[in-house]
Amino acid sequence: MIGHNGIGEAIDRKFKIDATAREHGTDYDENHAVLFLAKDRALFGTLGYYRSECERLGAAPDQLRGIDLLIQRVERYQSVNANLVKTPDVDPVTGAHILEENRQERGE
């Protein structure tokens, strides 16, 4: 799913996304997807919550196992690449346009 998403703006303002789902070959962009980086210190907890929510909603065991494996890969990545792991942020200079869009949406 690429392009118009019915809300008139990108879901993910921070990243330009050009992804293809390996399962069905569907293409996705920032209008229909969100990108988290493996170096994001908050990702481990976020994925844990996502996994719990998927289970609560009745996701299939294979889906839950896939999330478990993803969590393990992120944990290994962060352990091996500890020097890259950081708290998420937006640089006030290079990301000024992102921050401005957020301010406008909040009515500031």
Protein backbone atom coordinates (compact mmCIF):
# COMPACT_ATOMS: atom_id res chain seq x y z
CA MET A 1 0.00 0.00 0.00
CA ILE A 2 1.60 3.13 -1.26
CA GLY A 3 0.36 6.68 -1.49
CA HIS A 4 -2.96 8.09 -0.34
CA ASN A 5 -4.05 6.75 3.03
CA GLY A 6 -7.28 8.62 3.67
CA ILE A 7 -5.91 10.95 6.34
CA GLY A 8 -3.98 13.34 4.11
CA GLU A 9 -0.58 12.97 5.75
CA ALA A 10 2.15 10.44 6.39
CA ILE A 11 1.80 8.17 9.41
CA ASP A 12 5.58 8.20 9.94
CA ARG A 13 6.98 11.73 9.67
CA LYS A 14 10.53 10.83 10.62
CA PHE A 15 11.32 8.17 8.01
CA LYS A 16 10.85 7.83 4.28
CA ILE A 17 9.80 4.20 3.95
CA ASP A 18 10.14 1.96 0.91
CA ALA A 19 9.42 -1.55 2.12
CA THR A 20 8.14 -4.75 0.59
CA ALA A 21 6.40 -7.41 2.68
CA ARG A 22 8.25 -10.67 2.15
CA GLU A 23 5.09 -12.72 2.68
CA HIS A 24 2.86 -11.28 -0.07
CA GLY A 25 5.13 -8.84 -1.94
CA THR A 26 2.99 -5.83 -0.98
CA ASP A 27 4.84 -2.51 -1.05
CA TYR A 28 4.53 0.00 1.81
CA ASP A 29 5.55 3.60 2.33
CA GLU A 30 5.42 6.08 5.24
CA ASN A 31 1.71 6.66 4.53
CA HIS A 32 0.94 3.10 5.62
CA ALA A 33 3.85 2.04 7.83
CA VAL A 34 5.91 2.96 10.88
CA LEU A 35 9.63 2.31 11.18
CA PHE A 36 11.45 1.55 14.41
CA LEU A 37 15.23 1.14 14.44
CA ALA A 38 16.91 -1.81 16.15
CA LYS A 39 19.20 0.67 17.93
CA ASP A 40 16.23 2.34 19.64
CA ARG A 41 16.55 1.74 23.39
CA ALA A 42 12.72 1.80 23.75
CA LEU A 43 12.15 -0.87 21.09
CA PHE A 44 12.61 -3.88 23.35
CA GLY A 45 9.77 -2.79 25.65
CA THR A 46 7.65 -1.68 22.71
CA LEU A 47 7.90 -5.09 21.08
CA GLY A 48 7.08 -6.79 24.37
CA TYR A 49 3.90 -4.75 24.63
CA TYR A 50 3.07 -5.43 20.97
CA ARG A 51 3.51 -9.15 21.57
CA SER A 52 1.18 -9.06 24.59
CA GLU A 53 -1.42 -7.11 22.64
CA CYS A 54 -1.24 -9.55 19.72
CA GLU A 55 -1.80 -12.43 22.12
CA ARG A 56 -4.74 -10.62 23.76
CA LEU A 57 -6.28 -10.08 20.33
CA GLY A 58 -5.96 -13.77 19.46
CA ALA A 59 -3.02 -13.76 17.05
CA ALA A 60 -2.00 -17.21 15.83
CA PRO A 61 0.81 -19.05 17.63
CA ASP A 62 3.08 -18.75 14.57
CA GLN A 63 2.67 -14.97 14.64
CA LEU A 64 3.46 -14.84 18.36
CA ARG A 65 6.53 -17.05 17.85
CA GLY A 66 7.69 -14.74 15.09
CA ILE A 67 7.43 -11.77 17.45
CA ASP A 68 9.33 -13.70 20.13
CA LEU A 69 12.12 -14.37 17.65
CA LEU A 70 12.13 -10.72 16.57
CA ILE A 71 12.49 -9.64 20.20
CA GLN A 72 15.42 -12.04 20.60
CA ARG A 73 17.12 -10.66 17.47
CA VAL A 74 16.69 -7.08 18.69
CA GLU A 75 18.08 -8.05 22.08
CA ARG A 76 21.12 -9.68 20.45
CA TYR A 77 21.61 -6.71 18.13
CA GLN A 78 21.54 -4.25 21.01
CA SER A 79 23.94 -6.38 23.02
CA VAL A 80 26.45 -6.69 20.16
CA ASN A 81 26.02 -3.04 19.10
CA ALA A 82 25.76 -1.38 22.50
CA ASN A 83 27.69 1.64 21.20
CA LEU A 84 24.85 2.33 18.71
CA VAL A 85 21.92 1.92 21.10
CA LYS A 86 20.38 5.23 22.08
CA THR A 87 17.31 6.91 23.46
CA PRO A 88 15.07 8.03 20.60
CA ASP A 89 15.22 11.70 19.70
CA VAL A 90 14.69 14.27 16.96
CA ASP A 91 17.55 16.70 16.35
CA PRO A 92 16.16 20.23 16.75
CA VAL A 93 18.15 21.52 13.76
CA THR A 94 18.11 18.74 11.15
CA GLY A 95 14.66 17.56 12.26
CA ALA A 96 13.11 21.03 12.59
CA HIS A 97 10.58 20.33 9.84
CA ILE A 98 9.38 17.20 11.69
CA LEU A 99 9.05 19.10 14.95
CA GLU A 100 7.17 21.91 13.21
CA GLU A 101 4.65 19.46 11.70
CA ASN A 102 4.10 17.99 15.17
CA ARG A 103 3.59 21.46 16.68
CA GLN A 104 1.09 22.36 13.99
CA GLU A 105 -0.88 19.19 14.57
CA ARG A 106 -1.04 19.94 18.31
CA GLY A 107 -2.22 23.49 17.54
CA GLU A 108 0.85 25.20 18.96
